[in-house]
Structures are given as structure tokens and as C-alpha cells.
N, C-alpha and C. Protein backbone atom coordinates (compact mmCIF):
# COMPACT_ATOMS: atom_id res chain seq x y z
N MET A 1 4.55 -75.65 -87.01
CA MET A 1 4.48 -77.09 -87.42
C MET A 1 5.11 -77.23 -88.83
N LYS A 2 5.81 -78.31 -88.46
CA LYS A 2 6.52 -78.77 -89.64
C LYS A 2 5.94 -79.86 -90.44
N ARG A 3 6.15 -79.56 -91.74
CA ARG A 3 5.64 -80.53 -92.43
C ARG A 3 6.20 -81.37 -93.56
N TYR A 4 6.40 -82.61 -93.31
CA TYR A 4 7.61 -83.85 -94.52
C TYR A 4 6.93 -84.66 -95.25
N GLU A 5 7.32 -84.08 -96.70
CA GLU A 5 6.81 -84.69 -97.23
C GLU A 5 7.78 -86.13 -98.17
N GLY A 6 7.15 -86.52 -99.13
CA GLY A 6 8.36 -87.97 -99.79
C GLY A 6 7.35 -88.11 -101.09
N ARG A 7 8.27 -87.80 -102.23
CA ARG A 7 7.81 -88.29 -103.35
C ARG A 7 8.54 -88.78 -104.15
N ARG A 8 8.00 -90.20 -105.00
CA ARG A 8 8.51 -90.92 -105.89
C ARG A 8 8.56 -90.52 -107.48
N GLU A 9 9.44 -90.66 -108.25
CA GLU A 9 9.27 -90.16 -109.42
C GLU A 9 10.36 -91.32 -110.17
N GLY A 10 9.86 -92.77 -110.66
CA GLY A 10 10.38 -93.71 -110.85
C GLY A 10 11.52 -94.15 -109.79
N TYR A 11 12.79 -94.33 -110.03
CA TYR A 11 13.63 -94.93 -109.10
C TYR A 11 14.03 -93.96 -107.92
N ALA A 12 13.44 -92.66 -108.27
CA ALA A 12 14.36 -91.55 -107.40
C ALA A 12 13.06 -90.57 -106.24
N VAL A 13 13.61 -90.99 -104.79
CA VAL A 13 12.48 -90.21 -104.31
C VAL A 13 13.36 -88.98 -103.47
N ASP A 14 12.18 -88.17 -103.65
CA ASP A 14 12.94 -86.49 -102.59
C ASP A 14 11.77 -86.89 -101.50
N VAL A 15 12.74 -86.24 -100.16
CA VAL A 15 11.89 -86.30 -99.44
C VAL A 15 12.29 -84.51 -98.50
N THR A 16 11.26 -84.14 -97.97
CA THR A 16 11.67 -82.36 -97.79
C THR A 16 11.11 -81.77 -96.33
N VAL A 17 11.11 -81.26 -95.75
CA VAL A 17 10.99 -81.06 -94.31
C VAL A 17 10.39 -79.20 -95.06
N ASN A 18 8.89 -78.58 -94.63
CA ASN A 18 8.65 -77.53 -95.19
C ASN A 18 9.36 -77.08 -96.49
N GLY A 19 9.27 -77.49 -97.30
CA GLY A 19 10.19 -77.52 -98.93
C GLY A 19 11.19 -77.65 -98.85
N CYS A 20 11.82 -77.59 -97.69
CA CYS A 20 13.44 -78.16 -98.49
C CYS A 20 13.99 -79.19 -98.08
N ARG A 21 15.15 -79.89 -98.69
CA ARG A 21 15.37 -81.65 -98.20
C ARG A 21 15.42 -81.68 -97.04
N LEU A 22 15.15 -82.63 -96.59
CA LEU A 22 15.53 -83.55 -95.33
C LEU A 22 16.97 -84.01 -95.28
N ASP A 23 17.89 -83.57 -94.52
CA ASP A 23 19.36 -84.00 -94.32
C ASP A 23 18.72 -85.39 -93.77
N PRO A 24 19.90 -86.31 -94.50
CA PRO A 24 20.07 -88.04 -94.22
C PRO A 24 20.60 -88.13 -92.85
N ARG A 25 21.24 -87.33 -91.85
CA ARG A 25 21.95 -87.47 -91.20
C ARG A 25 22.84 -88.55 -91.01
N PHE A 26 23.81 -88.59 -92.00
CA PHE A 26 24.34 -89.64 -91.74
C PHE A 26 25.50 -89.57 -90.71
N ASP A 27 25.66 -88.20 -90.62
CA ASP A 27 26.15 -87.86 -89.29
C ASP A 27 26.28 -89.00 -87.77
N LEU A 28 25.11 -89.50 -87.87
CA LEU A 28 24.39 -90.02 -86.63
C LEU A 28 24.54 -91.58 -86.72
N TRP A 29 24.03 -91.96 -88.20
CA TRP A 29 24.05 -93.40 -88.40
C TRP A 29 24.34 -93.56 -89.76
N ASN A 30 25.10 -94.24 -90.94
CA ASN A 30 24.60 -94.32 -91.88
C ASN A 30 24.16 -95.83 -92.64
N HIS A 31 23.17 -95.85 -92.12
CA HIS A 31 22.53 -96.75 -92.64
C HIS A 31 21.96 -97.12 -94.02
N SER A 32 22.03 -96.14 -94.50
CA SER A 32 21.83 -96.23 -96.42
C SER A 32 22.69 -94.91 -96.88
N PRO A 33 23.69 -95.46 -97.47
CA PRO A 33 24.59 -94.37 -98.41
C PRO A 33 23.51 -93.44 -99.67
N THR A 34 22.78 -94.66 -100.30
CA THR A 34 21.82 -94.27 -101.20
C THR A 34 21.12 -93.29 -101.16
N GLY A 35 20.18 -93.64 -99.55
CA GLY A 35 19.61 -92.33 -99.43
C GLY A 35 18.11 -93.21 -99.02
N PHE A 36 17.04 -92.51 -99.41
CA PHE A 36 16.24 -93.01 -97.94
C PHE A 36 15.38 -93.68 -99.42
N GLU A 37 14.19 -94.39 -98.43
CA GLU A 37 13.48 -94.91 -98.90
C GLU A 37 11.86 -95.13 -98.07
N TRP A 38 11.00 -95.61 -98.53
CA TRP A 38 9.96 -96.38 -97.15
C TRP A 38 9.44 -96.95 -97.57
N GLY A 39 8.53 -97.73 -97.09
CA GLY A 39 6.86 -98.71 -97.89
C GLY A 39 7.70 -99.79 -97.11
N TYR A 40 8.76 -100.72 -96.35
CA TYR A 40 9.31 -101.45 -96.49
C TYR A 40 10.20 -101.71 -95.38
N ASP A 41 10.51 -102.77 -94.54
CA ASP A 41 11.78 -102.85 -93.57
C ASP A 41 13.04 -103.03 -94.22
N GLY A 42 13.79 -102.40 -94.37
CA GLY A 42 15.16 -102.07 -94.43
C GLY A 42 16.20 -101.02 -94.13
N SER A 43 17.40 -101.04 -95.12
CA SER A 43 18.53 -99.58 -94.73
C SER A 43 17.48 -98.48 -95.26
N GLY A 44 17.86 -98.44 -96.08
CA GLY A 44 17.18 -96.63 -96.29
C GLY A 44 15.53 -96.32 -95.76
N PRO A 45 14.88 -97.59 -95.17
CA PRO A 45 13.43 -96.83 -94.03
C PRO A 45 14.50 -96.30 -93.14
N ALA A 46 15.21 -96.95 -93.22
CA ALA A 46 15.91 -96.77 -91.40
C ALA A 46 16.38 -95.37 -91.44
N GLN A 47 16.78 -95.28 -92.26
CA GLN A 47 17.87 -93.80 -92.49
C GLN A 47 16.67 -92.53 -92.96
N LEU A 48 15.81 -92.85 -93.56
CA LEU A 48 14.47 -92.14 -93.02
C LEU A 48 13.81 -91.93 -91.74
N ALA A 49 13.90 -92.68 -90.86
CA ALA A 49 12.98 -92.83 -90.04
C ALA A 49 14.16 -92.44 -89.06
N LEU A 50 15.63 -92.37 -88.85
CA LEU A 50 16.53 -91.39 -88.24
C LEU A 50 16.55 -90.03 -88.40
N ALA A 51 16.43 -89.56 -89.57
CA ALA A 51 16.51 -88.26 -90.59
C ALA A 51 15.11 -87.91 -90.12
N LEU A 52 14.10 -87.93 -90.21
CA LEU A 52 12.81 -87.77 -89.39
C LEU A 52 12.68 -87.56 -87.92
N LEU A 53 13.23 -88.28 -87.51
CA LEU A 53 13.39 -88.20 -85.80
C LEU A 53 14.35 -87.19 -85.53
N ALA A 54 15.45 -87.00 -86.19
CA ALA A 54 16.50 -85.95 -85.89
C ALA A 54 15.94 -84.57 -86.17
N ASP A 55 15.11 -84.52 -86.97
CA ASP A 55 14.61 -83.10 -87.15
C ASP A 55 13.99 -82.89 -86.34
N HIS A 56 13.22 -83.65 -86.26
CA HIS A 56 12.03 -83.63 -85.40
C HIS A 56 12.29 -82.75 -83.84
N LEU A 57 12.97 -84.22 -83.52
CA LEU A 57 13.28 -84.07 -81.84
C LEU A 57 14.26 -82.74 -81.83
N GLY A 58 15.37 -82.89 -82.71
CA GLY A 58 16.36 -81.92 -82.78
C GLY A 58 17.00 -82.27 -81.69
N ASP A 59 17.27 -83.67 -81.33
CA ASP A 59 18.33 -84.32 -80.63
C ASP A 59 18.62 -86.21 -81.27
N GLY A 60 19.90 -85.95 -81.62
CA GLY A 60 20.64 -86.72 -81.60
C GLY A 60 20.61 -88.15 -81.34
N ASP A 61 20.60 -88.14 -80.37
CA ASP A 61 20.53 -89.34 -79.55
C ASP A 61 19.32 -90.05 -79.10
N GLU A 62 18.53 -89.39 -79.06
CA GLU A 62 17.06 -89.78 -79.05
C GLU A 62 16.38 -90.60 -80.05
N ALA A 63 16.66 -89.58 -81.28
CA ALA A 63 16.44 -89.94 -82.63
C ALA A 63 17.00 -91.51 -82.70
N ILE A 64 18.25 -91.65 -82.55
CA ILE A 64 19.30 -92.95 -82.72
C ILE A 64 18.44 -94.10 -81.78
N ALA A 65 18.09 -93.70 -80.86
CA ALA A 65 17.18 -94.61 -79.70
C ALA A 65 15.64 -94.95 -79.82
N TRP A 66 15.18 -94.02 -80.84
CA TRP A 66 13.51 -94.26 -81.41
C TRP A 66 13.47 -94.97 -83.18
N HIS A 67 14.50 -94.42 -83.46
CA HIS A 67 14.18 -94.59 -85.04
C HIS A 67 13.72 -95.96 -85.30
N GLN A 68 14.37 -97.33 -84.72
CA GLN A 68 14.41 -98.66 -85.41
C GLN A 68 12.56 -98.91 -85.13
N TYR A 69 12.04 -98.50 -84.06
CA TYR A 69 10.63 -98.49 -83.23
C TYR A 69 9.40 -97.82 -84.60
N PHE A 70 10.13 -96.01 -84.71
CA PHE A 70 9.61 -95.52 -85.60
C PHE A 70 9.15 -96.33 -87.05
N LYS A 71 10.69 -96.45 -87.37
CA LYS A 71 10.38 -97.34 -88.81
C LYS A 71 9.44 -98.27 -88.93
N ARG A 72 9.61 -99.39 -88.15
CA ARG A 72 8.42 -100.15 -88.04
C ARG A 72 7.26 -99.76 -88.18
N ALA A 73 6.30 -98.64 -87.01
CA ALA A 73 5.21 -98.26 -86.81
C ALA A 73 5.04 -97.64 -87.68
N VAL A 74 5.94 -96.58 -88.19
CA VAL A 74 5.19 -95.78 -89.32
C VAL A 74 6.11 -95.35 -90.75
N VAL A 75 7.22 -95.49 -90.72
CA VAL A 75 8.22 -95.59 -91.90
C VAL A 75 7.99 -96.48 -93.41
N GLU A 76 7.73 -97.95 -92.04
CA GLU A 76 7.21 -98.89 -93.43
C GLU A 76 5.71 -98.74 -93.90
N THR A 77 4.63 -97.98 -93.07
CA THR A 77 3.12 -98.42 -93.94
C THR A 77 3.25 -97.20 -94.71
N LEU A 78 4.57 -96.39 -95.29
CA LEU A 78 3.70 -95.05 -96.10
C LEU A 78 3.65 -95.48 -97.32
N PRO A 79 2.61 -95.11 -97.84
CA PRO A 79 2.26 -95.04 -99.48
C PRO A 79 3.56 -94.72 -100.88
N PRO A 80 3.66 -95.66 -101.46
CA PRO A 80 4.72 -96.23 -102.22
C PRO A 80 5.09 -94.66 -103.04
N ARG A 81 3.92 -93.49 -103.82
CA ARG A 81 4.66 -92.74 -104.25
C ARG A 81 4.45 -91.48 -103.70
N HIS A 82 3.40 -91.31 -102.68
CA HIS A 82 3.52 -89.45 -102.13
C HIS A 82 3.14 -89.52 -100.85
N TRP A 83 3.71 -89.28 -99.74
CA TRP A 83 3.05 -89.29 -98.58
C TRP A 83 3.83 -88.28 -97.91
N ALA A 84 2.51 -87.92 -96.80
CA ALA A 84 3.03 -86.56 -96.07
C ALA A 84 2.96 -86.86 -94.17
N LEU A 85 3.62 -85.97 -93.35
CA LEU A 85 3.68 -86.56 -91.98
C LEU A 85 3.64 -84.88 -91.46
N THR A 86 2.92 -84.52 -90.49
CA THR A 86 3.27 -83.41 -89.59
C THR A 86 3.91 -83.36 -88.57
N SER A 87 4.84 -82.71 -87.72
CA SER A 87 4.94 -82.71 -86.57
C SER A 87 3.92 -83.46 -85.75
N GLN A 88 2.86 -83.21 -85.32
CA GLN A 88 2.14 -83.49 -84.80
C GLN A 88 1.52 -84.64 -84.72
N GLN A 89 1.31 -85.53 -86.41
CA GLN A 89 1.44 -87.02 -86.25
C GLN A 89 2.86 -87.76 -86.04
N ILE A 90 3.63 -87.16 -85.98
CA ILE A 90 5.14 -87.28 -85.40
C ILE A 90 5.11 -87.87 -83.94
N VAL A 91 4.31 -86.66 -82.85
CA VAL A 91 4.46 -86.33 -81.71
C VAL A 91 3.67 -87.83 -81.03
N ARG A 92 2.63 -87.93 -81.78
CA ARG A 92 0.99 -88.74 -81.60
C ARG A 92 1.56 -89.98 -81.79
N ALA A 93 2.32 -90.54 -82.91
CA ALA A 93 3.14 -91.94 -83.14
C ALA A 93 4.34 -91.92 -82.08
N LEU A 94 4.97 -91.03 -81.56
CA LEU A 94 6.12 -91.33 -80.46
C LEU A 94 5.62 -91.64 -79.20
N SER A 95 4.66 -90.83 -78.66
CA SER A 95 3.90 -91.49 -77.90
C SER A 95 3.07 -92.61 -77.60
N VAL A 96 2.57 -92.87 -78.45
CA VAL A 96 2.09 -93.91 -78.87
C VAL A 96 3.33 -95.57 -78.65
N LEU A 97 4.43 -94.99 -79.51
CA LEU A 97 5.76 -96.00 -79.36
C LEU A 97 6.01 -96.36 -77.71
N LYS A 98 6.13 -95.10 -77.18
CA LYS A 98 6.76 -95.27 -75.83
C LYS A 98 5.45 -95.68 -74.64
N SER A 99 4.66 -95.32 -74.51
CA SER A 99 3.52 -95.94 -73.86
C SER A 99 3.48 -97.56 -74.01
N THR A 100 3.45 -97.76 -75.14
CA THR A 100 3.33 -99.19 -75.55
C THR A 100 4.68 -99.96 -75.42
N LEU A 101 5.56 -99.50 -75.61
CA LEU A 101 7.25 -100.04 -75.15
C LEU A 101 7.17 -100.33 -73.99
N THR A 102 7.10 -99.02 -72.96
CA THR A 102 7.17 -98.84 -71.43
C THR A 102 6.09 -100.05 -71.01
N ALA A 103 4.58 -99.95 -71.59
CA ALA A 103 3.84 -101.03 -70.90
C ALA A 103 4.22 -102.37 -71.03
N GLU A 104 5.14 -102.57 -72.19
CA GLU A 104 5.44 -104.46 -72.38
C GLU A 104 6.61 -104.64 -71.40
N ALA A 105 7.42 -103.69 -71.35
CA ALA A 105 8.53 -103.79 -70.43
C ALA A 105 8.06 -103.96 -68.97
N VAL A 106 7.22 -103.35 -68.70
CA VAL A 106 6.53 -103.47 -67.27
C VAL A 106 5.86 -104.42 -67.10
N GLY A 107 5.23 -105.16 -67.95
CA GLY A 107 4.52 -106.67 -68.02
C GLY A 107 5.73 -107.85 -68.22
N SER A 108 6.98 -107.38 -68.68
CA SER A 108 7.64 -108.85 -68.71
C SER A 108 8.35 -109.14 -67.49
């Protein structure tokens, strides 16, 4: 199981996966050249959502497809100073997102 952690020290943020820096995955999409952020709707949180999903899923295309939904549901709600997510929490969040969006698509 992987553990993702974010910490804020003043204006600097650090995001790790199992203690190592998380790759921002600018190769997939460059939302925020200045890096990660969380706790609001913006380019830094989008970059974080993409990086988290790309690392967790191991599939860049799927990460791109789901990262904006994941940003709104999870990354925008992370606390400002420190947070932690496990791979199990990401699996649960994606499962809820996928079932909710599928149900909405069927109902429209």
C-alpha cells in the first residue's frame, strides 16, 4: 500500500509517496509549472490530482481522464498544512466517482 503525504512550510509545499518526492508528471499535462497545491480549485491542485492518479494507477491516460473529477472530490478538500492519503482511500474515492458519474450519465 502506498502512502501519499503533503506538507506546507510557509509558501513551500512538499508532496511525497512512501517518503520519496511525487513526480508532478508534467509529461502528461502541465497545469502548473510552479508545482502542486491543494485546498481549492486551480491549476496547482489539478497538477497534484494528475500526479496522484498517475502514480497510483500507473496509467497516464486513465489519470488524465479522471484527474479533474478527483481534484474536485478530493484534492480541493485536503487540509491546508498537512494531509495523508493511502492507496486504499484513492481506490474508494475513484470507485465513488465512477459509480456516481455513470449513474448521472444513465439518468440524463
